[in-house]
């Protein structure tokens, strides 16, 4: 989506608290991917994990990091993952359901396709 619509829409991912930390609820898939981290206790630890993710997975979408008081997560109920679309006026125009079961990128892509018809 970012590659298709990034020249017409601004994208931002906010890394919030670790969903499956070593010291809480580790997932087998994390072990297979070697992405096992304890829950960060400091902002610098959280930033380091977000940077590792971006580098490891060649993630080119702009990435921000939630503060340690988890303010963005509290405001947007983003845990463990969720999509929002905010228009030019700052109004939430799309609020996806929380993941993993309500996480449907195709809904966001359909909204973007309607708002930003194909080039050409």
PDB file of N, CA and C in Angstrom:
ATOM      1  N   UNK A   1       0.822  -1.193   0.000  1.00  0.00           N
ATOM      2  CA  UNK A   1       0.000   0.000   0.000  1.00  0.00           C
ATOM      3  C   UNK A   1       0.866   1.258   0.000  1.00  0.00           C
ATOM      4  N   UNK A   2       1.908   1.210   0.796  1.00  0.00           N
ATOM      5  CA  UNK A   2       2.778   2.384   0.885  1.00  0.00           C
ATOM      6  C   UNK A   2       3.401   2.698  -0.468  1.00  0.00           C
ATOM      7  N   UNK A   3       3.849   1.670  -1.161  1.00  0.00           N
ATOM      8  CA  UNK A   3       4.459   1.902  -2.480  1.00  0.00           C
ATOM      9  C   UNK A   3       3.431   2.418  -3.481  1.00  0.00           C
ATOM     10  N   UNK A   4       2.211   1.932  -3.394  1.00  0.00           N
ATOM     11  CA  UNK A   4       1.159   2.324  -4.336  1.00  0.00           C
ATOM     12  C   UNK A   4       0.614   3.722  -4.048  1.00  0.00           C
ATOM     13  N   UNK A   5       0.411   4.043  -2.786  1.00  0.00           N
ATOM     14  CA  UNK A   5      -0.286   5.282  -2.423  1.00  0.00           C
ATOM     15  C   UNK A   5       0.575   6.296  -1.666  1.00  0.00           C
ATOM     16  N   UNK A   6       1.814   5.962  -1.402  1.00  0.00           N
ATOM     17  CA  UNK A   6       2.674   6.819  -0.593  1.00  0.00           C
ATOM     18  C   UNK A   6       2.943   8.197  -1.168  1.00  0.00           C
ATOM     19  N   UNK A   7       2.741   8.362  -2.471  1.00  0.00           N
ATOM     20  CA  UNK A   7       2.934   9.685  -3.067  1.00  0.00           C
ATOM     21  C   UNK A   7       1.678  10.550  -2.965  1.00  0.00           C
ATOM     22  N   UNK A   8       0.563   9.951  -2.516  1.00  0.00           N
ATOM     23  CA  UNK A   8      -0.696  10.686  -2.405  1.00  0.00           C
ATOM     24  C   UNK A   8      -1.269  10.696  -0.996  1.00  0.00           C
ATOM     25  N   UNK A   9      -0.775   9.823  -0.157  1.00  0.00           N
ATOM     26  CA  UNK A   9      -1.238   9.743   1.233  1.00  0.00           C
ATOM     27  C   UNK A   9      -0.012   9.591   2.130  1.00  0.00           C
ATOM     28  N   UNK A  10      -0.085  10.157   3.322  1.00  0.00           N
ATOM     29  CA  UNK A  10       1.011   9.993   4.279  1.00  0.00           C
ATOM     30  C   UNK A  10       0.733   8.759   5.124  1.00  0.00           C
ATOM     31  N   UNK A  11       1.737   7.956   5.307  1.00  0.00           N
ATOM     32  CA  UNK A  11       1.643   6.738   6.098  1.00  0.00           C
ATOM     33  C   UNK A  11       2.502   6.895   7.341  1.00  0.00           C
ATOM     34  N   UNK A  12       2.054   6.288   8.431  1.00  0.00           N
ATOM     35  CA  UNK A  12       2.828   6.281   9.670  1.00  0.00           C
ATOM     36  C   UNK A  12       2.475   5.026  10.451  1.00  0.00           C
ATOM     37  N   UNK A  13       3.485   4.311  10.862  1.00  0.00           N
ATOM     38  CA  UNK A  13       3.319   3.184  11.770  1.00  0.00           C
ATOM     39  C   UNK A  13       3.822   3.635  13.127  1.00  0.00           C
ATOM     40  N   UNK A  14       3.068   3.327  14.167  1.00  0.00           N
ATOM     41  CA  UNK A  14       3.516   3.641  15.521  1.00  0.00           C
ATOM     42  C   UNK A  14       3.804   2.330  16.230  1.00  0.00           C
ATOM     43  N   UNK A  15       5.064   2.150  16.604  1.00  0.00           N
ATOM     44  CA  UNK A  15       5.446   0.965  17.371  1.00  0.00           C
ATOM     45  C   UNK A  15       5.025   1.201  18.814  1.00  0.00           C
ATOM     46  N   UNK A  16       4.146   0.322  19.289  1.00  0.00           N
ATOM     47  CA  UNK A  16       3.665   0.418  20.671  1.00  0.00           C
ATOM     48  C   UNK A  16       4.357  -0.670  21.485  1.00  0.00           C
ATOM     49  N   UNK A  17       3.828  -0.993  22.626  1.00  0.00           N
ATOM     50  CA  UNK A  17       4.486  -1.997  23.464  1.00  0.00           C
ATOM     51  C   UNK A  17       4.609  -3.324  22.716  1.00  0.00           C
ATOM     52  N   UNK A  18       5.610  -4.088  23.103  1.00  0.00           N
ATOM     53  CA  UNK A  18       5.897  -5.368  22.462  1.00  0.00           C
ATOM     54  C   UNK A  18       4.733  -6.325  22.700  1.00  0.00           C
ATOM     55  N   UNK A  19       4.211  -6.910  21.629  1.00  0.00           N
ATOM     56  CA  UNK A  19       3.036  -7.780  21.726  1.00  0.00           C
ATOM     57  C   UNK A  19       3.365  -9.141  22.340  1.00  0.00           C
ATOM     58  N   UNK A  20       4.538  -9.671  22.033  1.00  0.00           N
ATOM     59  CA  UNK A  20       4.899 -11.018  22.498  1.00  0.00           C
ATOM     60  C   UNK A  20       6.315 -11.030  23.071  1.00  0.00           C
ATOM     61  N   UNK A  21       6.512 -10.338  24.183  1.00  0.00           N
ATOM     62  CA  UNK A  21       7.859 -10.255  24.743  1.00  0.00           C
ATOM     63  C   UNK A  21       8.301 -11.560  25.406  1.00  0.00           C
ATOM     64  N   UNK A  22       9.617 -11.731  25.459  1.00  0.00           N
ATOM     65  CA  UNK A  22      10.200 -12.912  26.100  1.00  0.00           C
ATOM     66  C   UNK A  22       9.727 -13.089  27.535  1.00  0.00           C
ATOM     67  N   UNK A  23       9.585 -11.991  28.243  1.00  0.00           N
ATOM     68  CA  UNK A  23       9.264 -12.054  29.661  1.00  0.00           C
ATOM     69  C   UNK A  23       7.764 -12.063  29.947  1.00  0.00           C
ATOM     70  N   UNK A  24       6.943 -12.193  28.896  1.00  0.00           N
ATOM     71  CA  UNK A  24       5.497 -12.238  29.110  1.00  0.00           C
ATOM     72  C   UNK A  24       4.840 -13.358  28.311  1.00  0.00           C
ATOM     73  N   UNK A  25       4.793 -13.225  26.986  1.00  0.00           N
ATOM     74  CA  UNK A  25       4.043 -14.174  26.169  1.00  0.00           C
ATOM     75  C   UNK A  25       4.753 -14.376  24.838  1.00  0.00           C
ATOM     76  N   UNK A  26       5.767 -15.217  24.833  1.00  0.00           N
ATOM     77  CA  UNK A  26       6.569 -15.450  23.639  1.00  0.00           C
ATOM     78  C   UNK A  26       5.835 -16.369  22.669  1.00  0.00           C
ATOM     79  N   UNK A  27       5.936 -16.061  21.398  1.00  0.00           N
ATOM     80  CA  UNK A  27       5.304 -16.863  20.347  1.00  0.00           C
ATOM     81  C   UNK A  27       6.373 -17.680  19.627  1.00  0.00           C
ATOM     82  N   UNK A  28       6.001 -18.876  19.213  1.00  0.00           N
ATOM     83  CA  UNK A  28       6.923 -19.734  18.471  1.00  0.00           C
ATOM     84  C   UNK A  28       7.379 -19.058  17.176  1.00  0.00           C
ATOM     85  N   UNK A  29       6.462 -18.330  16.543  1.00  0.00           N
ATOM     86  CA  UNK A  29       6.820 -17.642  15.295  1.00  0.00           C
ATOM     87  C   UNK A  29       7.920 -16.607  15.531  1.00  0.00           C
ATOM     88  N   UNK A  30       7.918 -15.968  16.689  1.00  0.00           N
ATOM     89  CA  UNK A  30       8.982 -15.009  17.014  1.00  0.00           C
ATOM     90  C   UNK A  30      10.327 -15.721  17.131  1.00  0.00           C
ATOM     91  N   UNK A  31      10.301 -16.909  17.730  1.00  0.00           N
ATOM     92  CA  UNK A  31      11.538 -17.673  17.867  1.00  0.00           C
ATOM     93  C   UNK A  31      12.067 -18.078  16.495  1.00  0.00           C
ATOM     94  N   UNK A  32      11.183 -18.501  15.609  1.00  0.00           N
ATOM     95  CA  UNK A  32      11.596 -18.901  14.259  1.00  0.00           C
ATOM     96  C   UNK A  32      12.213 -17.736  13.497  1.00  0.00           C
ATOM     97  N   UNK A  33      11.680 -16.533  13.692  1.00  0.00           N
ATOM     98  CA  UNK A  33      12.176 -15.331  13.008  1.00  0.00           C
ATOM     99  C   UNK A  33      13.324 -14.655  13.767  1.00  0.00           C
ATOM    100  N   UNK A  34      13.663 -15.189  14.938  1.00  0.00           N
ATOM    101  CA  UNK A  34      14.697 -14.602  15.808  1.00  0.00           C
ATOM    102  C   UNK A  34      14.387 -13.148  16.148  1.00  0.00           C
ATOM    103  N   UNK A  35      13.136 -12.892  16.498  1.00  0.00           N
ATOM    104  CA  UNK A  35      12.717 -11.557  16.936  1.00  0.00           C
ATOM    105  C   UNK A  35      12.164 -11.654  18.357  1.00  0.00           C
ATOM    106  N   UNK A  36      13.029 -12.050  19.260  1.00  0.00           N
ATOM    107  CA  UNK A  36      12.646 -12.261  20.649  1.00  0.00           C
ATOM    108  C   UNK A  36      13.238 -11.150  21.513  1.00  0.00           C
ATOM    109  N   UNK A  37      12.366 -10.369  22.115  1.00  0.00           N
ATOM    110  CA  UNK A  37      12.793  -9.246  22.945  1.00  0.00           C
ATOM    111  C   UNK A  37      12.019  -9.260  24.253  1.00  0.00           C
ATOM    112  N   UNK A  38      12.654  -8.833  25.339  1.00  0.00           N
ATOM    113  CA  UNK A  38      11.874  -8.588  26.553  1.00  0.00           C
ATOM    114  C   UNK A  38      11.058  -7.310  26.362  1.00  0.00           C
ATOM    115  N   UNK A  39      10.045  -7.139  27.194  1.00  0.00           N
ATOM    116  CA  UNK A  39       9.260  -5.898  27.136  1.00  0.00           C
ATOM    117  C   UNK A  39      10.193  -4.728  27.452  1.00  0.00           C
ATOM    118  N   UNK A  40      10.289  -3.742  26.575  1.00  0.00           N
ATOM    119  CA  UNK A  40      11.180  -2.605  26.841  1.00  0.00           C
ATOM    120  C   UNK A  40      10.778  -1.871  28.119  1.00  0.00           C
ATOM    121  N   UNK A  41      11.776  -1.460  28.880  1.00  0.00           N
ATOM    122  CA  UNK A  41      11.535  -0.711  30.121  1.00  0.00           C
ATOM    123  C   UNK A  41      11.877   0.767  29.960  1.00  0.00           C
ATOM    124  N   UNK A  42      12.570   1.088  28.861  1.00  0.00           N
ATOM    125  CA  UNK A  42      12.958   2.478  28.610  1.00  0.00           C
ATOM    126  C   UNK A  42      12.613   2.830  27.167  1.00  0.00           C
ATOM    127  N   UNK A  43      12.517   4.112  26.904  1.00  0.00           N
ATOM    128  CA  UNK A  43      12.238   4.563  25.546  1.00  0.00           C
ATOM    129  C   UNK A  43      13.369   4.168  24.600  1.00  0.00           C
ATOM    130  N   UNK A  44      14.601   4.245  25.057  1.00  0.00           N
ATOM    131  CA  UNK A  44      15.719   3.877  24.178  1.00  0.00           C
ATOM    132  C   UNK A  44      15.660   2.398  23.802  1.00  0.00           C
ATOM    133  N   UNK A  45      15.212   1.541  24.708  1.00  0.00           N
ATOM    134  CA  UNK A  45      15.041   0.121  24.376  1.00  0.00           C
ATOM    135  C   UNK A  45      13.927  -0.057  23.352  1.00  0.00           C
ATOM    136  N   UNK A  46      12.852   0.666  23.525  1.00  0.00           N
ATOM    137  CA  UNK A  46      11.725   0.578  22.587  1.00  0.00           C
ATOM    138  C   UNK A  46      12.148   1.061  21.198  1.00  0.00           C
ATOM    139  N   UNK A  47      12.890   2.150  21.151  1.00  0.00           N
ATOM    140  CA  UNK A  47      13.389   2.679  19.876  1.00  0.00           C
ATOM    141  C   UNK A  47      14.324   1.667  19.215  1.00  0.00           C
ATOM    142  N   UNK A  48      15.186   1.028  19.997  1.00  0.00           N
ATOM    143  CA  UNK A  48      16.120   0.040  19.443  1.00  0.00           C
ATOM    144  C   UNK A  48      15.371  -1.131  18.813  1.00  0.00           C
ATOM    145  N   UNK A  49      14.314  -1.603  19.451  1.00  0.00           N
ATOM    146  CA  UNK A  49      13.526  -2.708  18.895  1.00  0.00           C
ATOM    147  C   UNK A  49      12.838  -2.268  17.609  1.00  0.00           C
ATOM    148  N   UNK A  50      12.267  -1.082  17.605  1.00  0.00           N
ATOM    149  CA  UNK A  50      11.609  -0.569  16.395  1.00  0.00           C
ATOM    150  C   UNK A  50      12.616  -0.430  15.255  1.00  0.00           C
ATOM    151  N   UNK A  51      13.797   0.079  15.553  1.00  0.00           N
ATOM    152  CA  UNK A  51      14.837   0.211  14.526  1.00  0.00           C
ATOM    153  C   UNK A  51      15.286  -1.142  14.005  1.00  0.00           C
ATOM    154  N   UNK A  52      15.413  -2.117  14.898  1.00  0.00           N
ATOM    155  CA  UNK A  52      15.795  -3.464  14.478  1.00  0.00           C
ATOM    156  C   UNK A  52      14.739  -4.046  13.544  1.00  0.00           C
ATOM    157  N   UNK A  53      13.477  -3.863  13.899  1.00  0.00           N
ATOM    158  CA  UNK A  53      12.380  -4.331  13.040  1.00  0.00           C
ATOM    159  C   UNK A  53      12.484  -3.712  11.650  1.00  0.00           C
ATOM    160  N   UNK A  54      12.622  -2.397  11.592  1.00  0.00           N
ATOM    161  CA  UNK A  54      12.672  -1.700  10.305  1.00  0.00           C
ATOM    162  C   UNK A  54      13.850  -2.179   9.460  1.00  0.00           C
ATOM    163  N   UNK A  55      14.979  -2.354  10.088  1.00  0.00           N
ATOM    164  CA  UNK A  55      16.172  -2.800   9.363  1.00  0.00           C
ATOM    165  C   UNK A  55      16.034  -4.256   8.922  1.00  0.00           C
ATOM    166  N   UNK A  56      15.631  -5.111   9.834  1.00  0.00           N
ATOM    167  CA  UNK A  56      15.548  -6.548   9.558  1.00  0.00           C
ATOM    168  C   UNK A  56      14.548  -6.869   8.453  1.00  0.00           C
ATOM    169  N   UNK A  57      13.415  -6.174   8.460  1.00  0.00           N
ATOM    170  CA  UNK A  57      12.351  -6.485   7.507  1.00  0.00           C
ATOM    171  C   UNK A  57      12.258  -5.463   6.368  1.00  0.00           C
ATOM    172  N   UNK A  58      13.274  -4.596   6.251  1.00  0.00           N
ATOM    173  CA  UNK A  58      13.320  -3.590   5.175  1.00  0.00           C
ATOM    174  C   UNK A  58      12.010  -2.804   5.131  1.00  0.00           C
ATOM    175  N   UNK A  59      11.583  -2.368   6.294  1.00  0.00           N
ATOM    176  CA  UNK A  59      10.313  -1.664   6.462  1.00  0.00           C
ATOM    177  C   UNK A  59      10.533  -0.193   6.153  1.00  0.00           C
ATOM    178  N   UNK A  60       9.990   0.265   5.036  1.00  0.00           N
ATOM    179  CA  UNK A  60      10.264   1.635   4.602  1.00  0.00           C
ATOM    180  C   UNK A  60       9.144   2.626   4.904  1.00  0.00           C
ATOM    181  N   UNK A  61       8.082   2.181   5.565  1.00  0.00           N
ATOM    182  CA  UNK A  61       7.011   3.085   5.987  1.00  0.00           C
ATOM    183  C   UNK A  61       7.543   3.918   7.160  1.00  0.00           C
ATOM    184  N   UNK A  62       7.287   5.223   7.192  1.00  0.00           N
ATOM    185  CA  UNK A  62       7.725   6.016   8.345  1.00  0.00           C
ATOM    186  C   UNK A  62       7.263   5.376   9.658  1.00  0.00           C
ATOM    187  N   UNK A  63       8.162   5.345  10.616  1.00  0.00           N
ATOM    188  CA  UNK A  63       7.932   4.625  11.863  1.00  0.00           C
ATOM    189  C   UNK A  63       8.180   5.550  13.045  1.00  0.00           C
ATOM    190  N   UNK A  64       7.184   5.658  13.906  1.00  0.00           N
ATOM    191  CA  UNK A  64       7.304   6.416  15.152  1.00  0.00           C
ATOM    192  C   UNK A  64       7.237   5.417  16.304  1.00  0.00           C
ATOM    193  N   UNK A  65       7.595   5.862  17.479  1.00  0.00           N
ATOM    194  CA  UNK A  65       7.603   4.999  18.657  1.00  0.00           C
ATOM    195  C   UNK A  65       6.756   5.648  19.741  1.00  0.00           C
ATOM    196  N   UNK A  66       5.840   4.868  20.296  1.00  0.00           N
ATOM    197  CA  UNK A  66       4.993   5.363  21.380  1.00  0.00           C
ATOM    198  C   UNK A  66       5.853   5.664  22.606  1.00  0.00           C
ATOM    199  N   UNK A  67       5.425   6.651  23.372  1.00  0.00           N
ATOM    200  CA  UNK A  67       6.113   6.991  24.616  1.00  0.00           C
ATOM    201  C   UNK A  67       5.937   5.851  25.621  1.00  0.00           C
ATOM    202  N   UNK A  68       6.724   5.870  26.658  1.00  0.00           N
ATOM    203  CA  UNK A  68       6.660   4.809  27.661  1.00  0.00           C
ATOM    204  C   UNK A  68       5.371   4.846  28.473  1.00  0.00           C
ATOM    205  N   UNK A  69       4.647   5.960  28.446  1.00  0.00           N
ATOM    206  CA  UNK A  69       3.342   5.988  29.110  1.00  0.00           C
ATOM    207  C   UNK A  69       2.254   5.402  28.205  1.00  0.00           C
ATOM    208  N   UNK A  70       2.655   4.941  27.018  1.00  0.00           N
ATOM    209  CA  UNK A  70       1.761   4.272  26.063  1.00  0.00           C
ATOM    210  C   UNK A  70       0.592   5.147  25.626  1.00  0.00           C
ATOM    211  N   UNK A  71       0.835   6.430  25.524  1.00  0.00           N
ATOM    212  CA  UNK A  71      -0.228   7.391  25.197  1.00  0.00           C
ATOM    213  C   UNK A  71      -0.897   7.104  23.854  1.00  0.00           C
ATOM    214  N   UNK A  72      -0.130   6.846  22.812  1.00  0.00           N
ATOM    215  CA  UNK A  72      -0.729   6.566  21.499  1.00  0.00           C
ATOM    216  C   UNK A  72      -1.576   5.304  21.557  1.00  0.00           C
ATOM    217  N   UNK A  73      -1.077   4.289  22.234  1.00  0.00           N
ATOM    218  CA  UNK A  73      -1.845   3.051  22.365  1.00  0.00           C
ATOM    219  C   UNK A  73      -3.147   3.297  23.121  1.00  0.00           C
ATOM    220  N   UNK A  74      -3.095   4.102  24.165  1.00  0.00           N
ATOM    221  CA  UNK A  74      -4.306   4.408  24.925  1.00  0.00           C
ATOM    222  C   UNK A  74      -5.305   5.198  24.082  1.00  0.00           C
ATOM    223  N   UNK A  75      -4.824   6.174  23.340  1.00  0.00           N
ATOM    224  CA  UNK A  75      -5.718   7.015  22.537  1.00  0.00           C
ATOM    225  C   UNK A  75      -6.348   6.264  21.370  1.00  0.00           C
ATOM    226  N   UNK A  76      -5.581   5.357  20.774  1.00  0.00           N
ATOM    227  CA  UNK A  76      -6.050   4.688  19.562  1.00  0.00           C
ATOM    228  C   UNK A  76      -6.343   3.204  19.748  1.00  0.00           C
ATOM    229  N   UNK A  77      -6.212   2.681  20.963  1.00  0.00           N
ATOM    230  CA  UNK A  77      -6.479   1.261  21.226  1.00  0.00           C
ATOM    231  C   UNK A  77      -5.806   0.396  20.162  1.00  0.00           C
ATOM    232  N   UNK A  78      -4.508   0.614  19.991  1.00  0.00           N
ATOM    233  CA  UNK A  78      -3.783  -0.016  18.905  1.00  0.00           C
ATOM    234  C   UNK A  78      -3.246  -1.406  19.162  1.00  0.00           C
ATOM    235  N   UNK A  79      -3.291  -1.880  20.389  1.00  0.00           N
ATOM    236  CA  UNK A  79      -2.683  -3.175  20.694  1.00  0.00           C
ATOM    237  C   UNK A  79      -3.575  -4.307  20.249  1.00  0.00           C
ATOM    238  N   UNK A  80      -3.061  -5.362  19.626  1.00  0.00           N
ATOM    239  CA  UNK A  80      -1.673  -5.502  19.209  1.00  0.00           C
ATOM    240  C   UNK A  80      -1.380  -4.842  17.859  1.00  0.00           C
ATOM    241  N   UNK A  81      -2.414  -4.630  17.053  1.00  0.00           N
ATOM    242  CA  UNK A  81      -2.231  -3.960  15.759  1.00  0.00           C
ATOM    243  C   UNK A  81      -3.579  -3.437  15.285  1.00  0.00           C
ATOM    244  N   UNK A  82      -3.535  -2.309  14.581  1.00  0.00           N
ATOM    245  CA  UNK A  82      -4.793  -1.704  14.139  1.00  0.00           C
ATOM    246  C   UNK A  82      -4.509  -0.648  13.080  1.00  0.00           C
ATOM    247  N   UNK A  83      -5.439  -0.500  12.152  1.00  0.00           N
ATOM    248  CA  UNK A  83      -5.341   0.529  11.119  1.00  0.00           C
ATOM    249  C   UNK A  83      -6.289   1.677  11.420  1.00  0.00           C
ATOM    250  N   UNK A  84      -5.808   2.887  11.175  1.00  0.00           N
ATOM    251  CA  UNK A  84      -6.640   4.083  11.190  1.00  0.00           C
ATOM    252  C   UNK A  84      -6.325   4.864   9.931  1.00  0.00           C
ATOM    253  N   UNK A  85      -7.326   5.566   9.421  1.00  0.00           N
ATOM    254  CA  UNK A  85      -7.099   6.551   8.370  1.00  0.00           C
ATOM    255  C   UNK A  85      -7.605   7.873   8.914  1.00  0.00           C
ATOM    256  N   UNK A  86      -6.731   8.868   8.872  1.00  0.00           N
ATOM    257  CA  UNK A  86      -7.042  10.210   9.352  1.00  0.00           C
ATOM    258  C   UNK A  86      -6.975  11.135   8.143  1.00  0.00           C
ATOM    259  N   UNK A  87      -8.037  11.905   7.929  1.00  0.00           N
ATOM    260  CA  UNK A  87      -8.061  12.772   6.741  1.00  0.00           C
ATOM    261  C   UNK A  87      -7.248  14.049   6.957  1.00  0.00           C
ATOM    262  N   UNK A  88      -7.271  14.901   5.944  1.00  0.00           N
ATOM    263  CA  UNK A  88      -6.481  16.129   5.957  1.00  0.00           C
ATOM    264  C   UNK A  88      -6.865  17.077   7.082  1.00  0.00           C
ATOM    265  N   UNK A  89      -8.087  16.947   7.585  1.00  0.00           N
ATOM    266  CA  UNK A  89      -8.566  17.816   8.666  1.00  0.00           C
ATOM    267  C   UNK A  89      -8.286  17.226  10.048  1.00  0.00           C
ATOM    268  N   UNK A  90      -7.705  16.022  10.082  1.00  0.00           N
ATOM    269  CA  UNK A  90      -7.424  15.373  11.354  1.00  0.00           C
ATOM    270  C   UNK A  90      -8.565  14.525  11.872  1.00  0.00           C
ATOM    271  N   UNK A  91      -9.557  14.272  11.032  1.00  0.00           N
ATOM    272  CA  UNK A  91     -10.711  13.468  11.419  1.00  0.00           C
ATOM    273  C   UNK A  91     -10.456  11.998  11.102  1.00  0.00           C
ATOM    274  N   UNK A  92     -10.774  11.123  12.041  1.00  0.00           N
ATOM    275  CA  UNK A  92     -10.659   9.685  11.779  1.00  0.00           C
ATOM    276  C   UNK A  92     -11.794   9.293  10.842  1.00  0.00           C
ATOM    277  N   UNK A  93     -11.433   8.819   9.648  1.00  0.00           N
ATOM    278  CA  UNK A  93     -12.433   8.445   8.647  1.00  0.00           C
ATOM    279  C   UNK A  93     -12.510   6.933   8.452  1.00  0.00           C
ATOM    280  N   UNK A  94     -11.557   6.212   9.018  1.00  0.00           N
ATOM    281  CA  UNK A  94     -11.587   4.749   8.996  1.00  0.00           C
ATOM    282  C   UNK A  94     -10.931   4.259  10.267  1.00  0.00           C
ATOM    283  N   UNK A  95     -11.612   3.343  10.943  1.00  0.00           N
ATOM    284  CA  UNK A  95     -11.079   2.745  12.164  1.00  0.00           C
ATOM    285  C   UNK A  95     -11.233   1.242  12.027  1.00  0.00           C
ATOM    286  N   UNK A  96     -10.115   0.570  11.756  1.00  0.00           N
ATOM    287  CA  UNK A  96     -10.152  -0.877  11.627  1.00  0.00           C
ATOM    288  C   UNK A  96     -10.342  -1.539  12.977  1.00  0.00           C
ATOM    289  N   UNK A  97     -10.731  -2.782  12.935  1.00  0.00           N
ATOM    290  CA  UNK A  97     -10.862  -3.552  14.173  1.00  0.00           C
ATOM    291  C   UNK A  97      -9.474  -4.016  14.603  1.00  0.00           C
ATOM    292  N   UNK A  98      -9.297  -4.275  15.906  1.00  0.00           N
ATOM    293  CA  UNK A  98      -7.976  -4.694  16.372  1.00  0.00           C
ATOM    294  C   UNK A  98      -7.598  -6.081  15.858  1.00  0.00           C
ATOM    295  N   UNK A  99      -6.298  -6.260  15.658  1.00  0.00           N
ATOM    296  CA  UNK A  99      -5.776  -7.549  15.223  1.00  0.00           C
ATOM    297  C   UNK A  99      -5.615  -8.481  16.406  1.00  0.00           C
ATOM    298  N   UNK A 100      -5.302  -9.707  16.119  1.00  0.00           N
ATOM    299  CA  UNK A 100      -5.018 -10.189  14.777  1.00  0.00           C
ATOM    300  C   UNK A 100      -6.265 -10.554  13.972  1.00  0.00           C
ATOM    301  N   UNK A 101      -7.373 -10.841  14.625  1.00  0.00           N
ATOM    302  CA  UNK A 101      -8.539 -11.345  13.891  1.00  0.00           C
ATOM    303  C   UNK A 101      -9.312 -10.253  13.165  1.00  0.00           C
ATOM    304  N   UNK A 102      -9.250  -9.026  13.648  1.00  0.00           N
ATOM    305  CA  UNK A 102      -9.943  -7.926  12.995  1.00  0.00           C
ATOM    306  C   UNK A 102      -9.044  -7.105  12.085  1.00  0.00           C
ATOM    307  N   UNK A 103      -7.836  -7.567  11.900  1.00  0.00           N
ATOM    308  CA  UNK A 103      -6.809  -6.852  11.124  1.00  0.00           C
ATOM    309  C   UNK A 103      -6.959  -7.207   9.651  1.00  0.00           C
ATOM    310  N   UNK A 104      -7.492  -6.270   8.862  1.00  0.00           N
ATOM    311  CA  UNK A 104      -7.768  -6.544   7.451  1.00  0.00           C
ATOM    312  C   UNK A 104      -7.196  -5.433   6.572  1.00  0.00           C
ATOM    313  N   UNK A 105      -5.943  -5.577   6.159  1.00  0.00           N
ATOM    314  CA  UNK A 105      -5.322  -4.557   5.305  1.00  0.00           C
ATOM    315  C   UNK A 105      -6.103  -4.297   4.023  1.00  0.00           C
ATOM    316  N   UNK A 106      -6.813  -5.292   3.528  1.00  0.00           N
ATOM    317  CA  UNK A 106      -7.575  -5.106   2.287  1.00  0.00           C
ATOM    318  C   UNK A 106      -8.667  -4.052   2.440  1.00  0.00           C
ATOM    319  N   UNK A 107      -9.182  -3.851   3.637  1.00  0.00           N
ATOM    320  CA  UNK A 107     -10.173  -2.793   3.859  1.00  0.00           C
ATOM    321  C   UNK A 107      -9.531  -1.413   3.699  1.00  0.00           C
ATOM    322  N   UNK A 108      -8.331  -1.280   4.190  1.00  0.00           N
ATOM    323  CA  UNK A 108      -7.606  -0.014   4.045  1.00  0.00           C
ATOM    324  C   UNK A 108      -7.271   0.218   2.581  1.00  0.00           C
ATOM    325  N   UNK A 109      -6.824  -0.823   1.913  1.00  0.00           N
ATOM    326  CA  UNK A 109      -6.481  -0.681   0.499  1.00  0.00           C
ATOM    327  C   UNK A 109      -7.708  -0.305  -0.327  1.00  0.00           C
ATOM    328  N   UNK A 110      -8.864  -0.875  -0.017  1.00  0.00           N
ATOM    329  CA  UNK A 110     -10.099  -0.518  -0.735  1.00  0.00           C
ATOM    330  C   UNK A 110     -10.444   0.951  -0.499  1.00  0.00           C
ATOM    331  N   UNK A 111     -10.293   1.428   0.729  1.00  0.00           N
ATOM    332  CA  UNK A 111     -10.570   2.832   1.028  1.00  0.00           C
ATOM    333  C   UNK A 111      -9.624   3.731   0.247  1.00  0.00           C
ATOM    334  N   UNK A 112      -8.357   3.391   0.250  1.00  0.00           N
ATOM    335  CA  UNK A 112      -7.364   4.191  -0.473  1.00  0.00           C
ATOM    336  C   UNK A 112      -7.631   4.190  -1.977  1.00  0.00           C
ATOM    337  N   UNK A 113      -8.007   3.044  -2.522  1.00  0.00           N
ATOM    338  CA  UNK A 113      -8.284   2.946  -3.963  1.00  0.00           C
ATOM    339  C   UNK A 113      -9.467   3.825  -4.354  1.00  0.00           C
ATOM    340  N   UNK A 114     -10.456   3.894  -3.476  1.00  0.00           N
ATOM    341  CA  UNK A 114     -11.623   4.736  -3.749  1.00  0.00           C
ATOM    342  C   UNK A 114     -11.249   6.223  -3.652  1.00  0.00           C
ATOM    343  N   UNK A 115     -10.471   6.563  -2.656  1.00  0.00           N
ATOM    344  CA  UNK A 115     -10.084   7.959  -2.421  1.00  0.00           C
ATOM    345  C   UNK A 115      -9.050   8.449  -3.431  1.00  0.00           C
ATOM    346  N   UNK A 116      -8.150   7.554  -3.815  1.00  0.00           N
ATOM    347  CA  UNK A 116      -7.061   7.889  -4.739  1.00  0.00           C
ATOM    348  C   UNK A 116      -7.096   6.930  -5.925  1.00  0.00           C
ATOM    349  N   UNK A 117      -7.938   7.215  -6.919  1.00  0.00           N
ATOM    350  CA  UNK A 117      -8.047   6.318  -8.077  1.00  0.00           C
ATOM    351  C   UNK A 117      -6.681   6.078  -8.723  1.00  0.00           C
ATOM    352  N   UNK A 118      -6.558   4.963  -9.448  1.00  0.00           N
ATOM    353  CA  UNK A 118      -5.271   4.638 -10.082  1.00  0.00           C
ATOM    354  C   UNK A 118      -4.750   5.781 -10.942  1.00  0.00           C
ATOM    355  N   UNK A 119      -3.440   5.881 -10.968  1.00  0.00           N
ATOM    356  CA  UNK A 119      -2.785   6.909 -11.782  1.00  0.00           C
ATOM    357  C   UNK A 119      -2.985   6.592 -13.264  1.00  0.00           C
ATOM    358  N   UNK A 120      -2.987   7.651 -14.068  1.00  0.00           N
ATOM    359  CA  UNK A 120      -3.000   7.438 -15.513  1.00  0.00           C
ATOM    360  C   UNK A 120      -4.249   7.729 -16.168  1.00  0.00           C
TER     361      UNK A 120
END
